[in-house]
Amino acid sequence: MSLRSLILLVAISIGGAIGWRCGSFGGIMGSYLGSVLGSAIGLYLGRKIQHNLDGD
């Protein structure tokens, strides 16, 4: 597994977990939607980190 893949895996996982916790007040559906949103934000931030590591 490359460093790029590992960065994305960790960022998406952390984003999804934070989103799940934040959406938990809305029940299972709120948790799910929060997790999806958190994962999307994690993906965005992970891509930004990758871009900065490449030095572009």
PDB file of N, CA and C in Angstrom:
ATOM      1  N   MET A   1       0.853  -1.173   0.000  1.00  0.00           N
ATOM      2  CA  MET A   1       0.000   0.000   0.000  1.00  0.00           C
ATOM      3  C   MET A   1       0.898   1.235   0.000  1.00  0.00           C
ATOM      4  N   SER A   2       0.628   2.128  -0.903  1.00  0.00           N
ATOM      5  CA  SER A   2       1.451   3.330  -1.017  1.00  0.00           C
ATOM      6  C   SER A   2       1.047   4.368   0.033  1.00  0.00           C
ATOM      7  N   LEU A   3       1.910   5.324   0.213  1.00  0.00           N
ATOM      8  CA  LEU A   3       1.645   6.398   1.167  1.00  0.00           C
ATOM      9  C   LEU A   3       0.415   7.198   0.765  1.00  0.00           C
ATOM     10  N   ARG A   4       0.238   7.405  -0.533  1.00  0.00           N
ATOM     11  CA  ARG A   4      -0.930   8.151  -1.024  1.00  0.00           C
ATOM     12  C   ARG A   4      -2.226   7.456  -0.645  1.00  0.00           C
ATOM     13  N   SER A   5      -2.263   6.147  -0.807  1.00  0.00           N
ATOM     14  CA  SER A   5      -3.462   5.382  -0.463  1.00  0.00           C
ATOM     15  C   SER A   5      -3.704   5.393   1.037  1.00  0.00           C
ATOM     16  N   LEU A   6      -2.639   5.298   1.797  1.00  0.00           N
ATOM     17  CA  LEU A   6      -2.760   5.294   3.248  1.00  0.00           C
ATOM     18  C   LEU A   6      -3.291   6.633   3.757  1.00  0.00           C
ATOM     19  N   ILE A   7      -2.825   7.720   3.180  1.00  0.00           N
ATOM     20  CA  ILE A   7      -3.305   9.042   3.571  1.00  0.00           C
ATOM     21  C   ILE A   7      -4.802   9.151   3.323  1.00  0.00           C
ATOM     22  N   LEU A   8      -5.247   8.716   2.164  1.00  0.00           N
ATOM     23  CA  LEU A   8      -6.675   8.781   1.852  1.00  0.00           C
ATOM     24  C   LEU A   8      -7.491   7.884   2.776  1.00  0.00           C
ATOM     25  N   LEU A   9      -7.013   6.685   3.037  1.00  0.00           N
ATOM     26  CA  LEU A   9      -7.725   5.753   3.908  1.00  0.00           C
ATOM     27  C   LEU A   9      -7.911   6.342   5.299  1.00  0.00           C
ATOM     28  N   VAL A  10      -6.855   6.907   5.844  1.00  0.00           N
ATOM     29  CA  VAL A  10      -6.924   7.485   7.192  1.00  0.00           C
ATOM     30  C   VAL A  10      -7.825   8.720   7.201  1.00  0.00           C
ATOM     31  N   ALA A  11      -7.685   9.597   6.218  1.00  0.00           N
ATOM     32  CA  ALA A  11      -8.481  10.820   6.178  1.00  0.00           C
ATOM     33  C   ALA A  11      -9.967  10.523   6.036  1.00  0.00           C
ATOM     34  N   ILE A  12     -10.322   9.586   5.170  1.00  0.00           N
ATOM     35  CA  ILE A  12     -11.727   9.237   4.977  1.00  0.00           C
ATOM     36  C   ILE A  12     -12.291   8.559   6.221  1.00  0.00           C
ATOM     37  N   SER A  13     -11.506   7.704   6.846  1.00  0.00           N
ATOM     38  CA  SER A  13     -11.962   7.011   8.052  1.00  0.00           C
ATOM     39  C   SER A  13     -12.197   7.982   9.207  1.00  0.00           C
ATOM     40  N   ILE A  14     -11.269   8.891   9.412  1.00  0.00           N
ATOM     41  CA  ILE A  14     -11.421   9.871  10.490  1.00  0.00           C
ATOM     42  C   ILE A  14     -12.605  10.796  10.205  1.00  0.00           C
ATOM     43  N   GLY A  15     -12.720  11.239   8.970  1.00  0.00           N
ATOM     44  CA  GLY A  15     -13.852  12.099   8.597  1.00  0.00           C
ATOM     45  C   GLY A  15     -15.184  11.401   8.787  1.00  0.00           C
ATOM     46  N   GLY A  16     -15.264  10.145   8.404  1.00  0.00           N
ATOM     47  CA  GLY A  16     -16.496   9.385   8.573  1.00  0.00           C
ATOM     48  C   GLY A  16     -16.854   9.166  10.035  1.00  0.00           C
ATOM     49  N   ALA A  17     -15.845   8.901  10.861  1.00  0.00           N
ATOM     50  CA  ALA A  17     -16.099   8.690  12.291  1.00  0.00           C
ATOM     51  C   ALA A  17     -16.569   9.975  12.966  1.00  0.00           C
ATOM     52  N   ILE A  18     -15.946  11.080  12.621  1.00  0.00           N
ATOM     53  CA  ILE A  18     -16.367  12.365  13.193  1.00  0.00           C
ATOM     54  C   ILE A  18     -17.786  12.700  12.735  1.00  0.00           C
ATOM     55  N   GLY A  19     -18.060  12.480  11.466  1.00  0.00           N
ATOM     56  CA  GLY A  19     -19.407  12.735  10.948  1.00  0.00           C
ATOM     57  C   GLY A  19     -20.455  11.858  11.602  1.00  0.00           C
ATOM     58  N   TRP A  20     -20.122  10.604  11.873  1.00  0.00           N
ATOM     59  CA  TRP A  20     -21.048   9.678  12.524  1.00  0.00           C
ATOM     60  C   TRP A  20     -21.406  10.188  13.909  1.00  0.00           C
ATOM     61  N   ARG A  21     -20.378  10.629  14.651  1.00  0.00           N
ATOM     62  CA  ARG A  21     -20.612  11.153  16.005  1.00  0.00           C
ATOM     63  C   ARG A  21     -21.435  12.440  15.969  1.00  0.00           C
ATOM     64  N   CYS A  22     -21.120  13.319  15.031  1.00  0.00           N
ATOM     65  CA  CYS A  22     -21.852  14.585  14.948  1.00  0.00           C
ATOM     66  C   CYS A  22     -23.310  14.379  14.523  1.00  0.00           C
ATOM     67  N   GLY A  23     -23.572  13.392  13.705  1.00  0.00           N
ATOM     68  CA  GLY A  23     -24.932  13.143  13.233  1.00  0.00           C
ATOM     69  C   GLY A  23     -25.737  12.226  14.120  1.00  0.00           C
ATOM     70  N   SER A  24     -25.151  11.751  15.214  1.00  0.00           N
ATOM     71  CA  SER A  24     -25.826  10.750  16.040  1.00  0.00           C
ATOM     72  C   SER A  24     -27.079  11.274  16.732  1.00  0.00           C
ATOM     73  N   PHE A  25     -27.202  12.595  16.873  1.00  0.00           N
ATOM     74  CA  PHE A  25     -28.410  13.134  17.505  1.00  0.00           C
ATOM     75  C   PHE A  25     -29.642  12.912  16.631  1.00  0.00           C
ATOM     76  N   GLY A  26     -29.446  12.678  15.348  1.00  0.00           N
ATOM     77  CA  GLY A  26     -30.552  12.491  14.417  1.00  0.00           C
ATOM     78  C   GLY A  26     -30.909  11.032  14.184  1.00  0.00           C
ATOM     79  N   GLY A  27     -30.431  10.126  15.035  1.00  0.00           N
ATOM     80  CA  GLY A  27     -30.723   8.708  14.859  1.00  0.00           C
ATOM     81  C   GLY A  27     -29.796   8.079  13.836  1.00  0.00           C
ATOM     82  N   ILE A  28     -30.181   6.900  13.391  1.00  0.00           N
ATOM     83  CA  ILE A  28     -29.329   6.149  12.477  1.00  0.00           C
ATOM     84  C   ILE A  28     -29.193   6.856  11.127  1.00  0.00           C
ATOM     85  N   MET A  29     -30.251   7.485  10.657  1.00  0.00           N
ATOM     86  CA  MET A  29     -30.181   8.167   9.368  1.00  0.00           C
ATOM     87  C   MET A  29     -29.314   9.425   9.463  1.00  0.00           C
ATOM     88  N   GLY A  30     -29.426  10.135  10.563  1.00  0.00           N
ATOM     89  CA  GLY A  30     -28.566  11.298  10.766  1.00  0.00           C
ATOM     90  C   GLY A  30     -27.106  10.900  10.861  1.00  0.00           C
ATOM     91  N   SER A  31     -26.846   9.774  11.533  1.00  0.00           N
ATOM     92  CA  SER A  31     -25.478   9.279  11.642  1.00  0.00           C
ATOM     93  C   SER A  31     -24.932   8.898  10.272  1.00  0.00           C
ATOM     94  N   TYR A  32     -25.758   8.237   9.490  1.00  0.00           N
ATOM     95  CA  TYR A  32     -25.335   7.831   8.152  1.00  0.00           C
ATOM     96  C   TYR A  32     -25.010   9.054   7.283  1.00  0.00           C
ATOM     97  N   LEU A  33     -25.910  10.021   7.270  1.00  0.00           N
ATOM     98  CA  LEU A  33     -25.684  11.211   6.448  1.00  0.00           C
ATOM     99  C   LEU A  33     -24.478  12.011   6.946  1.00  0.00           C
ATOM    100  N   GLY A  34     -24.317  12.079   8.256  1.00  0.00           N
ATOM    101  CA  GLY A  34     -23.141  12.747   8.807  1.00  0.00           C
ATOM    102  C   GLY A  34     -21.861  12.035   8.408  1.00  0.00           C
ATOM    103  N   SER A  35     -21.905  10.714   8.397  1.00  0.00           N
ATOM    104  CA  SER A  35     -20.743   9.932   8.013  1.00  0.00           C
ATOM    105  C   SER A  35     -20.394  10.134   6.543  1.00  0.00           C
ATOM    106  N   VAL A  36     -21.395  10.186   5.703  1.00  0.00           N
ATOM    107  CA  VAL A  36     -21.150  10.422   4.272  1.00  0.00           C
ATOM    108  C   VAL A  36     -20.534  11.799   4.066  1.00  0.00           C
ATOM    109  N   LEU A  37     -21.084  12.800   4.740  1.00  0.00           N
ATOM    110  CA  LEU A  37     -20.545  14.150   4.617  1.00  0.00           C
ATOM    111  C   LEU A  37     -19.129  14.221   5.189  1.00  0.00           C
ATOM    112  N   GLY A  38     -18.913  13.598   6.336  1.00  0.00           N
ATOM    113  CA  GLY A  38     -17.584  13.585   6.938  1.00  0.00           C
ATOM    114  C   GLY A  38     -16.567  12.866   6.066  1.00  0.00           C
ATOM    115  N   SER A  39     -16.982  11.777   5.437  1.00  0.00           N
ATOM    116  CA  SER A  39     -16.080  11.052   4.536  1.00  0.00           C
ATOM    117  C   SER A  39     -15.724  11.894   3.321  1.00  0.00           C
ATOM    118  N   ALA A  40     -16.699  12.632   2.811  1.00  0.00           N
ATOM    119  CA  ALA A  40     -16.432  13.508   1.667  1.00  0.00           C
ATOM    120  C   ALA A  40     -15.443  14.610   2.043  1.00  0.00           C
ATOM    121  N   ILE A  41     -15.607  15.174   3.224  1.00  0.00           N
ATOM    122  CA  ILE A  41     -14.677  16.202   3.685  1.00  0.00           C
ATOM    123  C   ILE A  41     -13.288  15.586   3.902  1.00  0.00           C
ATOM    124  N   GLY A  42     -13.255  14.367   4.458  1.00  0.00           N
ATOM    125  CA  GLY A  42     -11.983  13.675   4.634  1.00  0.00           C
ATOM    126  C   GLY A  42     -11.288  13.400   3.313  1.00  0.00           C
ATOM    127  N   LEU A  43     -12.059  13.039   2.312  1.00  0.00           N
ATOM    128  CA  LEU A  43     -11.495  12.814   0.982  1.00  0.00           C
ATOM    129  C   LEU A  43     -10.898  14.105   0.428  1.00  0.00           C
ATOM    130  N   TYR A  44     -11.619  15.193   0.574  1.00  0.00           N
ATOM    131  CA  TYR A  44     -11.129  16.492   0.100  1.00  0.00           C
ATOM    132  C   TYR A  44      -9.829  16.872   0.809  1.00  0.00           C
ATOM    133  N   LEU A  45      -9.829  16.757   2.132  1.00  0.00           N
ATOM    134  CA  LEU A  45      -8.633  17.122   2.886  1.00  0.00           C
ATOM    135  C   LEU A  45      -7.471  16.169   2.601  1.00  0.00           C
ATOM    136  N   GLY A  46      -7.771  14.884   2.421  1.00  0.00           N
ATOM    137  CA  GLY A  46      -6.728  13.921   2.082  1.00  0.00           C
ATOM    138  C   GLY A  46      -6.082  14.238   0.748  1.00  0.00           C
ATOM    139  N   ARG A  47      -6.888  14.645  -0.221  1.00  0.00           N
ATOM    140  CA  ARG A  47      -6.342  15.040  -1.526  1.00  0.00           C
ATOM    141  C   ARG A  47      -5.471  16.289  -1.409  1.00  0.00           C
ATOM    142  N   LYS A  48      -5.909  17.228  -0.551  1.00  0.00           N
ATOM    143  CA  LYS A  48      -5.104  18.432  -0.339  1.00  0.00           C
ATOM    144  C   LYS A  48      -3.760  18.074   0.296  1.00  0.00           C
ATOM    145  N   ILE A  49      -3.760  17.160   1.255  1.00  0.00           N
ATOM    146  CA  ILE A  49      -2.519  16.722   1.893  1.00  0.00           C
ATOM    147  C   ILE A  49      -1.617  16.049   0.862  1.00  0.00           C
ATOM    148  N   GLN A  50      -2.188  15.178   0.044  1.00  0.00           N
ATOM    149  CA  GLN A  50      -1.401  14.519  -0.999  1.00  0.00           C
ATOM    150  C   GLN A  50      -0.768  15.550  -1.930  1.00  0.00           C
ATOM    151  N   HIS A  51      -1.545  16.525  -2.313  1.00  0.00           N
ATOM    152  CA  HIS A  51      -1.050  17.558  -3.227  1.00  0.00           C
ATOM    153  C   HIS A  51       0.109  18.321  -2.601  1.00  0.00           C
ATOM    154  N   ASN A  52       0.006  18.629  -1.305  1.00  0.00           N
ATOM    155  CA  ASN A  52       1.076  19.354  -0.619  1.00  0.00           C
ATOM    156  C   ASN A  52       2.327  18.484  -0.447  1.00  0.00           C
ATOM    157  N   LEU A  53       2.155  17.193  -0.255  1.00  0.00           N
ATOM    158  CA  LEU A  53       3.308  16.303  -0.098  1.00  0.00           C
ATOM    159  C   LEU A  53       4.067  16.127  -1.408  1.00  0.00           C
ATOM    160  N   ASP A  54       3.365  16.195  -2.519  1.00  0.00           N
ATOM    161  CA  ASP A  54       4.012  16.033  -3.821  1.00  0.00           C
ATOM    162  C   ASP A  54       4.832  17.255  -4.189  1.00  0.00           C
ATOM    163  N   GLY A  55       4.577  18.365  -3.541  1.00  0.00           N
ATOM    164  CA  GLY A  55       5.336  19.583  -3.822  1.00  0.00           C
ATOM    165  C   GLY A  55       4.902  20.295  -5.072  1.00  0.00           C
ATOM    166  N   ASP A  56       3.687  20.049  -5.512  1.00  0.00           N
ATOM    167  CA  ASP A  56       3.184  20.708  -6.729  1.00  0.00           C
ATOM    168  C   ASP A  56       2.627  22.077  -6.413  1.00  0.00           C
TER     169      ASP A  56
END
